PDB file of N, CA and C in Angstrom:
ATOM      1  N   MET A   1      21.604 -47.257  68.617  1.00  0.00           N
ATOM      2  CA  MET A   1      22.452 -46.671  67.584  1.00  0.00           C
ATOM      3  C   MET A   1      21.277 -46.047  66.289  1.00  0.00           C
ATOM      4  N   LYS A   2      21.664 -45.212  65.903  1.00  0.00           N
ATOM      5  CA  LYS A   2      21.042 -44.299  65.474  1.00  0.00           C
ATOM      6  C   LYS A   2      21.218 -44.182  63.580  1.00  0.00           C
ATOM      7  N   ALA A   3      20.436 -45.160  62.743  1.00  0.00           N
ATOM      8  CA  ALA A   3      20.610 -45.644  61.774  1.00  0.00           C
ATOM      9  C   ALA A   3      20.725 -43.748  60.944  1.00  0.00           C
ATOM     10  N   LYS A   4      22.144 -44.513  59.506  1.00  0.00           N
ATOM     11  CA  LYS A   4      22.153 -42.951  59.260  1.00  0.00           C
ATOM     12  C   LYS A   4      20.806 -42.971  58.391  1.00  0.00           C
ATOM     13  N   LYS A   5      20.805 -41.616  58.675  1.00  0.00           N
ATOM     14  CA  LYS A   5      19.585 -40.603  57.851  1.00  0.00           C
ATOM     15  C   LYS A   5      19.846 -40.868  56.308  1.00  0.00           C
ATOM     16  N   SER A   6      19.276 -41.505  54.923  1.00  0.00           N
ATOM     17  CA  SER A   6      19.348 -40.823  53.721  1.00  0.00           C
ATOM     18  C   SER A   6      19.654 -39.973  53.129  1.00  0.00           C
ATOM     19  N   ASN A   7      21.160 -39.065  52.094  1.00  0.00           N
ATOM     20  CA  ASN A   7      20.656 -38.158  51.814  1.00  0.00           C
ATOM     21  C   ASN A   7      20.847 -38.132  50.407  1.00  0.00           C
ATOM     22  N   PRO A   8      19.923 -37.971  49.644  1.00  0.00           N
ATOM     23  CA  PRO A   8      20.673 -38.209  47.765  1.00  0.00           C
ATOM     24  C   PRO A   8      21.203 -37.324  47.486  1.00  0.00           C
ATOM     25  N   LEU A   9      21.486 -35.913  48.137  1.00  0.00           N
ATOM     26  CA  LEU A   9      22.547 -34.971  47.434  1.00  0.00           C
ATOM     27  C   LEU A   9      23.933 -36.112  47.290  1.00  0.00           C
ATOM     28  N   LEU A  10      24.520 -36.616  48.580  1.00  0.00           N
ATOM     29  CA  LEU A  10      25.758 -36.925  48.791  1.00  0.00           C
ATOM     30  C   LEU A  10      25.846 -38.356  48.108  1.00  0.00           C
ATOM     31  N   GLU A  11      24.548 -38.916  47.832  1.00  0.00           N
ATOM     32  CA  GLU A  11      25.060 -40.513  47.319  1.00  0.00           C
ATOM     33  C   GLU A  11      25.021 -39.841  46.208  1.00  0.00           C
ATOM     34  N   LYS A  12      23.920 -38.795  45.573  1.00  0.00           N
ATOM     35  CA  LYS A  12      24.043 -38.901  43.811  1.00  0.00           C
ATOM     36  C   LYS A  12      25.553 -38.119  43.484  1.00  0.00           C
ATOM     37  N   SER A  13      25.950 -37.478  44.480  1.00  0.00           N
ATOM     38  CA  SER A  13      27.389 -36.208  43.583  1.00  0.00           C
ATOM     39  C   SER A  13      28.582 -37.475  44.247  1.00  0.00           C
ATOM     40  N   TYR A  14      28.191 -38.689  44.993  1.00  0.00           N
ATOM     41  CA  TYR A  14      29.285 -39.267  45.212  1.00  0.00           C
ATOM     42  C   TYR A  14      29.668 -39.836  44.408  1.00  0.00           C
ATOM     43  N   ASP A  15      28.819 -41.261  43.879  1.00  0.00           N
ATOM     44  CA  ASP A  15      28.589 -41.863  43.039  1.00  0.00           C
ATOM     45  C   ASP A  15      29.191 -41.256  41.407  1.00  0.00           C
ATOM     46  N   PHE A  16      28.102 -40.180  41.257  1.00  0.00           N
ATOM     47  CA  PHE A  16      28.472 -39.657  40.337  1.00  0.00           C
ATOM     48  C   PHE A  16      30.787 -39.099  39.984  1.00  0.00           C
ATOM     49  N   ALA A  17      31.060 -38.655  41.554  1.00  0.00           N
ATOM     50  CA  ALA A  17      31.930 -38.664  41.155  1.00  0.00           C
ATOM     51  C   ALA A  17      33.126 -40.422  40.732  1.00  0.00           C
ATOM     52  N   LEU A  18      33.223 -40.940  41.165  1.00  0.00           N
ATOM     53  CA  LEU A  18      33.208 -42.249  40.934  1.00  0.00           C
ATOM     54  C   LEU A  18      32.677 -42.515  39.284  1.00  0.00           C
ATOM     55  N   ALA A  19      32.121 -42.510  39.271  1.00  0.00           N
ATOM     56  CA  ALA A  19      31.492 -42.607  37.640  1.00  0.00           C
ATOM     57  C   ALA A  19      32.244 -41.309  36.794  1.00  0.00           C
ATOM     58  N   ILE A  20      32.597 -40.787  37.441  1.00  0.00           N
ATOM     59  CA  ILE A  20      33.907 -39.202  36.526  1.00  0.00           C
ATOM     60  C   ILE A  20      34.865 -39.768  36.442  1.00  0.00           C
ATOM     61  N   VAL A  21      36.006 -40.034  37.738  1.00  0.00           N
ATOM     62  CA  VAL A  21      36.761 -40.970  38.047  1.00  0.00           C
ATOM     63  C   VAL A  21      37.803 -42.115  37.424  1.00  0.00           C
ATOM     64  N   GLN A  22      36.726 -43.310  36.813  1.00  0.00           N
ATOM     65  CA  GLN A  22      36.523 -44.338  35.996  1.00  0.00           C
ATOM     66  C   GLN A  22      36.468 -43.477  34.011  1.00  0.00           C
ATOM     67  N   PHE A  23      35.389 -42.736  34.080  1.00  0.00           N
ATOM     68  CA  PHE A  23      35.093 -41.961  32.405  1.00  0.00           C
ATOM     69  C   PHE A  23      36.703 -40.835  32.195  1.00  0.00           C
ATOM     70  N   THR A  24      37.295 -40.665  33.707  1.00  0.00           N
ATOM     71  CA  THR A  24      38.105 -39.383  33.128  1.00  0.00           C
ATOM     72  C   THR A  24      39.612 -40.904  33.048  1.00  0.00           C
ATOM     73  N   ARG A  25      39.708 -41.855  33.927  1.00  0.00           N
ATOM     74  CA  ARG A  25      40.874 -42.925  33.755  1.00  0.00           C
ATOM     75  C   ARG A  25      40.787 -43.417  32.316  1.00  0.00           C
ATOM     76  N   ILE A  26      39.113 -43.332  31.587  1.00  0.00           N
ATOM     77  CA  ILE A  26      39.291 -44.002  30.236  1.00  0.00           C
ATOM     78  C   ILE A  26      39.956 -43.443  29.097  1.00  0.00           C
ATOM     79  N   LEU A  27      39.871 -42.057  29.276  1.00  0.00           N
ATOM     80  CA  LEU A  27      39.698 -40.664  28.612  1.00  0.00           C
ATOM     81  C   LEU A  27      41.365 -40.918  28.318  1.00  0.00           C
ATOM     82  N   GLN A  28      41.841 -40.551  29.791  1.00  0.00           N
ATOM     83  CA  GLN A  28      43.168 -41.061  29.715  1.00  0.00           C
ATOM     84  C   GLN A  28      44.220 -41.744  29.520  1.00  0.00           C
ATOM     85  N   LEU A  29      43.954 -43.283  29.455  1.00  0.00           N
ATOM     86  CA  LEU A  29      44.631 -44.624  28.822  1.00  0.00           C
ATOM     87  C   LEU A  29      44.333 -44.900  27.340  1.00  0.00           C
ATOM     88  N   GLU A  30      42.615 -44.590  27.257  1.00  0.00           N
ATOM     89  CA  GLU A  30      42.783 -45.155  26.061  1.00  0.00           C
ATOM     90  C   GLU A  30      42.856 -44.032  24.813  1.00  0.00           C
ATOM     91  N   LYS A  31      42.349 -42.635  25.677  1.00  0.00           N
ATOM     92  CA  LYS A  31      41.860 -41.881  24.482  1.00  0.00           C
ATOM     93  C   LYS A  31      43.299 -40.135  24.130  1.00  0.00           C
ATOM     94  N   LYS A  32      44.290 -41.195  24.908  1.00  0.00           N
ATOM     95  CA  LYS A  32      45.360 -40.020  25.638  1.00  0.00           C
ATOM     96  C   LYS A  32      45.754 -38.642  25.816  1.00  0.00           C
ATOM     97  N   GLU A  33      44.616 -38.580  26.944  1.00  0.00           N
ATOM     98  CA  GLU A  33      43.857 -37.259  26.364  1.00  0.00           C
ATOM     99  C   GLU A  33      43.726 -37.290  27.749  1.00  0.00           C
ATOM    100  N   TYR A  34      44.574 -35.786  28.300  1.00  0.00           N
ATOM    101  CA  TYR A  34      45.476 -35.215  29.655  1.00  0.00           C
ATOM    102  C   TYR A  34      44.205 -34.169  30.071  1.00  0.00           C
ATOM    103  N   VAL A  35      44.790 -32.973  29.141  1.00  0.00           N
ATOM    104  CA  VAL A  35      43.953 -31.620  29.956  1.00  0.00           C
ATOM    105  C   VAL A  35      42.481 -31.838  30.299  1.00  0.00           C
ATOM    106  N   LEU A  36      41.818 -31.486  29.302  1.00  0.00           N
ATOM    107  CA  LEU A  36      40.294 -32.042  29.624  1.00  0.00           C
ATOM    108  C   LEU A  36      40.331 -32.782  30.469  1.00  0.00           C
ATOM    109  N   SER A  37      40.844 -34.189  30.274  1.00  0.00           N
ATOM    110  CA  SER A  37      40.494 -35.155  31.894  1.00  0.00           C
ATOM    111  C   SER A  37      40.514 -34.689  32.464  1.00  0.00           C
ATOM    112  N   LYS A  38      42.100 -34.004  33.698  1.00  0.00           N
ATOM    113  CA  LYS A  38      42.200 -33.707  34.623  1.00  0.00           C
ATOM    114  C   LYS A  38      41.353 -32.117  34.721  1.00  0.00           C
ATOM    115  N   GLN A  39      40.548 -31.279  34.033  1.00  0.00           N
ATOM    116  CA  GLN A  39      39.845 -30.564  34.338  1.00  0.00           C
ATOM    117  C   GLN A  39      38.076 -30.902  34.793  1.00  0.00           C
ATOM    118  N   LEU A  40      37.708 -32.008  33.588  1.00  0.00           N
ATOM    119  CA  LEU A  40      36.664 -32.877  34.003  1.00  0.00           C
ATOM    120  C   LEU A  40      37.097 -33.610  35.694  1.00  0.00           C
ATOM    121  N   LEU A  41      37.921 -34.033  36.167  1.00  0.00           N
ATOM    122  CA  LEU A  41      38.091 -34.162  37.108  1.00  0.00           C
ATOM    123  C   LEU A  41      38.275 -33.545  38.191  1.00  0.00           C
ATOM    124  N   ARG A  42      38.430 -32.797  37.955  1.00  0.00           N
ATOM    125  CA  ARG A  42      38.641 -32.023  38.878  1.00  0.00           C
ATOM    126  C   ARG A  42      37.062 -31.513  39.404  1.00  0.00           C
ATOM    127  N   SER A  43      36.379 -30.814  38.363  1.00  0.00           N
ATOM    128  CA  SER A  43      35.214 -30.141  38.724  1.00  0.00           C
ATOM    129  C   SER A  43      34.143 -31.172  39.199  1.00  0.00           C
ATOM    130  N   GLY A  44      34.809 -32.787  38.406  1.00  0.00           N
ATOM    131  CA  GLY A  44      33.309 -33.093  38.769  1.00  0.00           C
ATOM    132  C   GLY A  44      33.200 -34.107  40.267  1.00  0.00           C
ATOM    133  N   THR A  45      34.828 -34.433  40.625  1.00  0.00           N
ATOM    134  CA  THR A  45      34.224 -34.670  42.081  1.00  0.00           C
ATOM    135  C   THR A  45      34.346 -33.415  43.260  1.00  0.00           C
ATOM    136  N   ALA A  46      34.628 -32.067  42.426  1.00  0.00           N
ATOM    137  CA  ALA A  46      34.407 -30.989  43.883  1.00  0.00           C
ATOM    138  C   ALA A  46      32.997 -31.394  44.426  1.00  0.00           C
ATOM    139  N   ILE A  47      31.242 -31.657  42.929  1.00  0.00           N
ATOM    140  CA  ILE A  47      30.646 -31.342  43.780  1.00  0.00           C
ATOM    141  C   ILE A  47      30.143 -32.150  45.018  1.00  0.00           C
ATOM    142  N   GLY A  48      30.780 -33.363  45.531  1.00  0.00           N
ATOM    143  CA  GLY A  48      30.108 -34.633  45.717  1.00  0.00           C
ATOM    144  C   GLY A  48      31.305 -34.000  47.081  1.00  0.00           C
ATOM    145  N   ALA A  49      32.412 -33.211  47.170  1.00  0.00           N
ATOM    146  CA  ALA A  49      33.739 -32.688  48.541  1.00  0.00           C
ATOM    147  C   ALA A  49      32.871 -32.147  48.876  1.00  0.00           C
ATOM    148  N   LEU A  50      31.884 -30.784  47.893  1.00  0.00           N
ATOM    149  CA  LEU A  50      31.601 -29.844  48.632  1.00  0.00           C
ATOM    150  C   LEU A  50      30.263 -29.957  49.585  1.00  0.00           C
ATOM    151  N   SER A  51      29.503 -30.836  48.648  1.00  0.00           N
ATOM    152  CA  SER A  51      27.722 -30.900  49.480  1.00  0.00           C
ATOM    153  C   SER A  51      28.502 -32.124  50.427  1.00  0.00           C
ATOM    154  N   GLU A  52      29.330 -32.746  50.698  1.00  0.00           N
ATOM    155  CA  GLU A  52      30.111 -32.587  51.952  1.00  0.00           C
ATOM    156  C   GLU A  52      30.083 -31.844  53.439  1.00  0.00           C
ATOM    157  N   GLU A  53      30.727 -30.896  52.454  1.00  0.00           N
ATOM    158  CA  GLU A  53      31.545 -30.094  53.177  1.00  0.00           C
ATOM    159  C   GLU A  53      30.469 -29.127  53.692  1.00  0.00           C
ATOM    160  N   ALA A  54      29.254 -29.081  52.958  1.00  0.00           N
ATOM    161  CA  ALA A  54      28.033 -28.084  53.855  1.00  0.00           C
ATOM    162  C   ALA A  54      27.713 -28.465  54.291  1.00  0.00           C
ATOM    163  N   GLN A  55      27.503 -30.090  54.873  1.00  0.00           N
ATOM    164  CA  GLN A  55      27.090 -30.869  55.860  1.00  0.00           C
ATOM    165  C   GLN A  55      27.668 -30.121  57.019  1.00  0.00           C
ATOM    166  N   GLN A  56      29.020 -30.252  57.182  1.00  0.00           N
ATOM    167  CA  GLN A  56      29.172 -28.941  58.278  1.00  0.00           C
ATOM    168  C   GLN A  56      29.640 -27.836  58.886  1.00  0.00           C
ATOM    169  N   ALA A  57      28.319 -27.336  57.842  1.00  0.00           N
ATOM    170  CA  ALA A  57      28.745 -26.218  57.874  1.00  0.00           C
ATOM    171  C   ALA A  57      28.254 -25.046  58.945  1.00  0.00           C
ATOM    172  N   GLU A  58      29.023 -23.586  59.243  1.00  0.00           N
ATOM    173  CA  GLU A  58      28.736 -22.890  60.190  1.00  0.00           C
ATOM    174  C   GLU A  58      27.685 -22.566  60.593  1.00  0.00           C
ATOM    175  N   SER A  59      26.820 -22.299  59.251  1.00  0.00           N
ATOM    176  CA  SER A  59      25.901 -21.234  59.539  1.00  0.00           C
ATOM    177  C   SER A  59      24.912 -21.663  58.435  1.00  0.00           C
ATOM    178  N   LYS A  60      23.844 -21.866  58.086  1.00  0.00           N
ATOM    179  CA  LYS A  60      23.040 -21.258  57.147  1.00  0.00           C
ATOM    180  C   LYS A  60      23.661 -21.273  56.104  1.00  0.00           C
ATOM    181  N   PRO A  61      23.949 -19.288  56.049  1.00  0.00           N
ATOM    182  CA  PRO A  61      25.285 -19.010  54.871  1.00  0.00           C
ATOM    183  C   PRO A  61      25.729 -19.515  54.081  1.00  0.00           C
ATOM    184  N   ASP A  62      26.541 -20.483  55.346  1.00  0.00           N
ATOM    185  CA  ASP A  62      28.116 -20.682  55.388  1.00  0.00           C
ATOM    186  C   ASP A  62      27.460 -22.703  53.980  1.00  0.00           C
ATOM    187  N   PHE A  63      26.294 -22.456  54.688  1.00  0.00           N
ATOM    188  CA  PHE A  63      25.660 -24.015  54.032  1.00  0.00           C
ATOM    189  C   PHE A  63      25.231 -23.731  52.689  1.00  0.00           C
ATOM    190  N   ILE A  64      23.951 -22.719  52.167  1.00  0.00           N
ATOM    191  CA  ILE A  64      24.042 -22.563  50.824  1.00  0.00           C
ATOM    192  C   ILE A  64      24.985 -21.962  50.632  1.00  0.00           C
ATOM    193  N   HIS A  65      25.942 -21.296  50.702  1.00  0.00           N
ATOM    194  CA  HIS A  65      27.389 -20.979  50.719  1.00  0.00           C
ATOM    195  C   HIS A  65      28.138 -22.106  49.777  1.00  0.00           C
ATOM    196  N   LYS A  66      28.405 -22.834  50.533  1.00  0.00           N
ATOM    197  CA  LYS A  66      28.692 -24.388  49.966  1.00  0.00           C
ATOM    198  C   LYS A  66      28.121 -25.309  48.546  1.00  0.00           C
ATOM    199  N   LEU A  67      27.061 -25.061  48.579  1.00  0.00           N
ATOM    200  CA  LEU A  67      26.060 -25.712  48.679  1.00  0.00           C
ATOM    201  C   LEU A  67      26.235 -25.067  46.303  1.00  0.00           C
ATOM    202  N   ALA A  68      26.716 -23.130  46.668  1.00  0.00           N
ATOM    203  CA  ALA A  68      26.566 -22.750  45.896  1.00  0.00           C
ATOM    204  C   ALA A  68      27.295 -22.685  44.895  1.00  0.00           C
ATOM    205  N   ILE A  69      28.620 -22.944  45.366  1.00  0.00           N
ATOM    206  CA  ILE A  69      30.060 -23.354  44.719  1.00  0.00           C
ATOM    207  C   ILE A  69      29.291 -24.684  44.177  1.00  0.00           C
ATOM    208  N   ALA A  70      29.295 -25.808  44.999  1.00  0.00           N
ATOM    209  CA  ALA A  70      29.083 -27.231  44.614  1.00  0.00           C
ATOM    210  C   ALA A  70      27.682 -27.055  43.130  1.00  0.00           C
ATOM    211  N   ASN A  71      27.304 -25.879  42.848  1.00  0.00           N
ATOM    212  CA  ASN A  71      26.089 -26.148  41.957  1.00  0.00           C
ATOM    213  C   ASN A  71      27.193 -24.884  40.738  1.00  0.00           C
ATOM    214  N   LYS A  72      28.039 -24.370  40.719  1.00  0.00           N
ATOM    215  CA  LYS A  72      28.955 -23.534  39.479  1.00  0.00           C
ATOM    216  C   LYS A  72      29.734 -24.834  39.387  1.00  0.00           C
ATOM    217  N   GLU A  73      30.167 -26.016  40.377  1.00  0.00           N
ATOM    218  CA  GLU A  73      31.394 -26.686  39.460  1.00  0.00           C
ATOM    219  C   GLU A  73      30.623 -28.000  39.100  1.00  0.00           C
ATOM    220  N   ALA A  74      29.173 -28.084  39.072  1.00  0.00           N
ATOM    221  CA  ALA A  74      28.499 -29.352  38.384  1.00  0.00           C
ATOM    222  C   ALA A  74      28.393 -28.664  36.976  1.00  0.00           C
ATOM    223  N   HIS A  75      27.595 -26.665  36.917  1.00  0.00           N
ATOM    224  CA  HIS A  75      27.863 -26.145  35.646  1.00  0.00           C
ATOM    225  C   HIS A  75      29.412 -26.586  35.036  1.00  0.00           C
ATOM    226  N   GLU A  76      30.177 -26.161  35.803  1.00  0.00           N
ATOM    227  CA  GLU A  76      32.033 -26.851  34.926  1.00  0.00           C
ATOM    228  C   GLU A  76      31.196 -27.781  34.107  1.00  0.00           C
ATOM    229  N   THR A  77      30.816 -28.982  34.599  1.00  0.00           N
ATOM    230  CA  THR A  77      31.213 -30.440  35.488  1.00  0.00           C
ATOM    231  C   THR A  77      30.486 -30.520  34.043  1.00  0.00           C
ATOM    232  N   HIS A  78      28.560 -30.172  33.223  1.00  0.00           N
ATOM    233  CA  HIS A  78      28.845 -30.119  32.609  1.00  0.00           C
ATOM    234  C   HIS A  78      29.555 -29.294  31.532  1.00  0.00           C
ATOM    235  N   TYR A  79      29.851 -28.375  31.267  1.00  0.00           N
ATOM    236  CA  TYR A  79      30.828 -28.205  30.406  1.00  0.00           C
ATOM    237  C   TYR A  79      31.665 -28.275  29.290  1.00  0.00           C
ATOM    238  N   TRP A  80      32.760 -29.021  30.554  1.00  0.00           N
ATOM    239  CA  TRP A  80      33.295 -29.451  30.262  1.00  0.00           C
ATOM    240  C   TRP A  80      33.171 -31.692  29.467  1.00  0.00           C
ATOM    241  N   LEU A  81      31.482 -32.170  30.084  1.00  0.00           N
ATOM    242  CA  LEU A  81      31.561 -32.917  29.164  1.00  0.00           C
ATOM    243  C   LEU A  81      30.962 -32.555  27.971  1.00  0.00           C
ATOM    244  N   ARG A  82      30.566 -31.880  27.723  1.00  0.00           N
ATOM    245  CA  ARG A  82      29.628 -30.828  26.471  1.00  0.00           C
ATOM    246  C   ARG A  82      30.754 -30.736  25.440  1.00  0.00           C
ATOM    247  N   LEU A  83      31.826 -30.835  25.932  1.00  0.00           N
ATOM    248  CA  LEU A  83      32.641 -30.173  25.367  1.00  0.00           C
ATOM    249  C   LEU A  83      33.972 -32.174  24.425  1.00  0.00           C
ATOM    250  N   ILE A  84      33.762 -32.633  25.049  1.00  0.00           N
ATOM    251  CA  ILE A  84      34.427 -34.105  24.793  1.00  0.00           C
ATOM    252  C   ILE A  84      33.553 -34.477  24.275  1.00  0.00           C
ATOM    253  N   ARG A  85      32.240 -34.079  24.923  1.00  0.00           N
ATOM    254  CA  ARG A  85      31.016 -35.179  23.562  1.00  0.00           C
ATOM    255  C   ARG A  85      31.046 -34.208  22.256  1.00  0.00           C
ATOM    256  N   ASP A  86      30.748 -32.797  22.131  1.00  0.00           N
ATOM    257  CA  ASP A  86      31.281 -32.444  20.410  1.00  0.00           C
ATOM    258  C   ASP A  86      32.239 -32.325  20.183  1.00  0.00           C
ATOM    259  N   SER A  87      33.867 -32.546  21.192  1.00  0.00           N
ATOM    260  CA  SER A  87      34.754 -32.347  20.110  1.00  0.00           C
ATOM    261  C   SER A  87      34.694 -33.656  19.740  1.00  0.00           C
ATOM    262  N   GLU A  88      34.013 -35.091  19.625  1.00  0.00           N
ATOM    263  CA  GLU A  88      34.253 -36.138  19.771  1.00  0.00           C
ATOM    264  C   GLU A  88      35.016 -37.221  20.162  1.00  0.00           C
ATOM    265  N   LEU A  89      35.370 -36.822  21.133  1.00  0.00           N
ATOM    266  CA  LEU A  89      36.619 -36.972  22.125  1.00  0.00           C
ATOM    267  C   LEU A  89      36.188 -38.877  22.448  1.00  0.00           C
ATOM    268  N   GLU A  90      34.738 -38.399  22.789  1.00  0.00           N
ATOM    269  CA  GLU A  90      34.111 -40.316  23.512  1.00  0.00           C
ATOM    270  C   GLU A  90      32.636 -39.250  23.577  1.00  0.00           C
ATOM    271  N   SER A  91      31.663 -40.478  23.247  1.00  0.00           N
ATOM    272  CA  SER A  91      30.873 -40.265  22.730  1.00  0.00           C
ATOM    273  C   SER A  91      29.767 -41.702  23.673  1.00  0.00           C
ATOM    274  N   ASN A  92      30.790 -42.558  23.979  1.00  0.00           N
ATOM    275  CA  ASN A  92      29.888 -43.865  24.540  1.00  0.00           C
ATOM    276  C   ASN A  92      29.245 -43.702  26.287  1.00  0.00           C
ATOM    277  N   GLN A  93      29.656 -42.808  27.224  1.00  0.00           N
ATOM    278  CA  GLN A  93      29.085 -42.687  27.651  1.00  0.00           C
ATOM    279  C   GLN A  93      28.854 -41.115  28.341  1.00  0.00           C
ATOM    280  N   VAL A  94      29.322 -40.160  28.368  1.00  0.00           N
ATOM    281  CA  VAL A  94      28.957 -38.703  27.943  1.00  0.00           C
ATOM    282  C   VAL A  94      27.992 -38.492  28.664  1.00  0.00           C
ATOM    283  N   ASP A  95      26.961 -38.868  27.154  1.00  0.00           N
ATOM    284  CA  ASP A  95      25.596 -38.380  27.827  1.00  0.00           C
ATOM    285  C   ASP A  95      24.869 -38.557  28.431  1.00  0.00           C
ATOM    286  N   VAL A  96      25.325 -40.415  29.316  1.00  0.00           N
ATOM    287  CA  VAL A  96      24.481 -39.765  30.072  1.00  0.00           C
ATOM    288  C   VAL A  96      25.626 -39.594  31.457  1.00  0.00           C
ATOM    289  N   LEU A  97      26.435 -39.296  31.069  1.00  0.00           N
ATOM    290  CA  LEU A  97      27.095 -38.009  32.415  1.00  0.00           C
ATOM    291  C   LEU A  97      26.677 -36.703  32.653  1.00  0.00           C
ATOM    292  N   ILE A  98      26.585 -36.475  30.962  1.00  0.00           N
ATOM    293  CA  ILE A  98      25.583 -35.105  30.731  1.00  0.00           C
ATOM    294  C   ILE A  98      23.901 -35.051  31.654  1.00  0.00           C
ATOM    295  N   GLU A  99      23.169 -36.028  31.503  1.00  0.00           N
ATOM    296  CA  GLU A  99      22.114 -35.822  32.476  1.00  0.00           C
ATOM    297  C   GLU A  99      22.222 -36.199  34.153  1.00  0.00           C
ATOM    298  N   ARG A 100      23.419 -36.831  34.272  1.00  0.00           N
ATOM    299  CA  ARG A 100      22.658 -36.911  35.707  1.00  0.00           C
ATOM    300  C   ARG A 100      24.118 -35.256  36.114  1.00  0.00           C
ATOM    301  N   SER A 101      24.604 -35.040  35.607  1.00  0.00           N
ATOM    302  CA  SER A 101      25.665 -33.750  36.307  1.00  0.00           C
ATOM    303  C   SER A 101      23.772 -33.251  35.639  1.00  0.00           C
ATOM    304  N   GLU A 102      23.088 -32.681  35.609  1.00  0.00           N
ATOM    305  CA  GLU A 102      22.061 -32.161  35.057  1.00  0.00           C
ATOM    306  C   GLU A 102      21.340 -32.137  35.850  1.00  0.00           C
ATOM    307  N   GLU A 103      20.842 -33.190  36.172  1.00  0.00           N
ATOM    308  CA  GLU A 103      20.213 -34.244  37.679  1.00  0.00           C
ATOM    309  C   GLU A 103      20.680 -33.102  39.092  1.00  0.00           C
ATOM    310  N   LEU A 104      22.127 -33.440  39.059  1.00  0.00           N
ATOM    311  CA  LEU A 104      22.679 -33.052  40.119  1.00  0.00           C
ATOM    312  C   LEU A 104      22.500 -30.920  40.374  1.00  0.00           C
ATOM    313  N   LYS A 105      22.468 -30.220  39.548  1.00  0.00           N
ATOM    314  CA  LYS A 105      22.781 -29.099  38.873  1.00  0.00           C
ATOM    315  C   LYS A 105      20.702 -28.515  39.763  1.00  0.00           C
ATOM    316  N   ARG A 106      19.589 -29.857  39.163  1.00  0.00           N
ATOM    317  CA  ARG A 106      18.656 -29.200  39.507  1.00  0.00           C
ATOM    318  C   ARG A 106      18.284 -29.599  41.396  1.00  0.00           C
ATOM    319  N   LEU A 107      19.458 -30.587  41.125  1.00  0.00           N
ATOM    320  CA  LEU A 107      18.988 -31.469  42.928  1.00  0.00           C
ATOM    321  C   LEU A 107      19.909 -30.039  43.654  1.00  0.00           C
ATOM    322  N   LEU A 108      20.716 -29.882  43.362  1.00  0.00           N
ATOM    323  CA  LEU A 108      21.335 -28.389  43.532  1.00  0.00           C
ATOM    324  C   LEU A 108      20.231 -27.415  44.262  1.00  0.00           C
ATOM    325  N   VAL A 109      20.084 -26.363  43.352  1.00  0.00           N
ATOM    326  CA  VAL A 109      19.087 -25.793  43.241  1.00  0.00           C
ATOM    327  C   VAL A 109      18.090 -25.530  43.660  1.00  0.00           C
ATOM    328  N   SER A 110      17.534 -27.166  44.185  1.00  0.00           N
ATOM    329  CA  SER A 110      16.339 -27.045  44.487  1.00  0.00           C
ATOM    330  C   SER A 110      16.205 -26.843  46.365  1.00  0.00           C
ATOM    331  N   ILE A 111      17.904 -27.551  46.508  1.00  0.00           N
ATOM    332  CA  ILE A 111      18.190 -27.833  48.302  1.00  0.00           C
ATOM    333  C   ILE A 111      18.365 -25.660  48.214  1.00  0.00           C
ATOM    334  N   ILE A 112      19.338 -25.462  47.851  1.00  0.00           N
ATOM    335  CA  ILE A 112      19.116 -23.430  47.663  1.00  0.00           C
ATOM    336  C   ILE A 112      18.296 -22.511  48.096  1.00  0.00           C
ATOM    337  N   LYS A 113      17.050 -23.013  47.140  1.00  0.00           N
ATOM    338  CA  LYS A 113      16.412 -22.339  47.112  1.00  0.00           C
ATOM    339  C   LYS A 113      15.202 -22.895  48.233  1.00  0.00           C
ATOM    340  N   SER A 114      15.506 -23.591  48.870  1.00  0.00           N
ATOM    341  CA  SER A 114      13.930 -24.204  49.554  1.00  0.00           C
ATOM    342  C   SER A 114      14.863 -23.774  50.958  1.00  0.00           C
ATOM    343  N   SER A 115      16.441 -23.880  51.248  1.00  0.00           N
ATOM    344  CA  SER A 115      17.338 -23.428  52.269  1.00  0.00           C
ATOM    345  C   SER A 115      17.223 -22.323  52.570  1.00  0.00           C
ATOM    346  N   LYS A 116      16.940 -21.041  51.531  1.00  0.00           N
ATOM    347  CA  LYS A 116      17.301 -19.162  51.693  1.00  0.00           C
ATOM    348  C   LYS A 116      15.203 -19.131  52.146  1.00  0.00           C
ATOM    349  N   SER A 117      14.657 -20.206  51.859  1.00  0.00           N
ATOM    350  CA  SER A 117      13.045 -19.688  52.055  1.00  0.00           C
ATOM    351  C   SER A 117      13.025 -19.670  52.915  1.00  0.00           C
ATOM    352  N   LYS A 118      13.971 -20.458  53.768  1.00  0.00           N
ATOM    353  CA  LYS A 118      13.529 -21.632  55.942  1.00  0.00           C
ATOM    354  C   LYS A 118      13.602 -20.454  56.374  1.00  0.00           C
TER     355      LYS A 118
END
């Protein structure tokens, strides 16, 4: 049986989604903030879902398209995190999550660029 090949994008986006789920739970339970937390939950978990979906793409253009949408979701997530931080709703975890979202954006752009050049 073949060992499953490591995929940094899938691993990082899944771990990020878990962190977003935990963070939005804190926003909802402790801060009673529901609107921004739901937006963040949707976009922050979509990155990993779209990255997973891209693994079963029907073609290279389909793969690139799905990752491009994941990149858009990463940018949206970055926006919501900055808004939460700058509105002073939460500051403990936000900076770490912002850094992680920036890392995901860089990774997605790199994969998209290299896929287009092949």
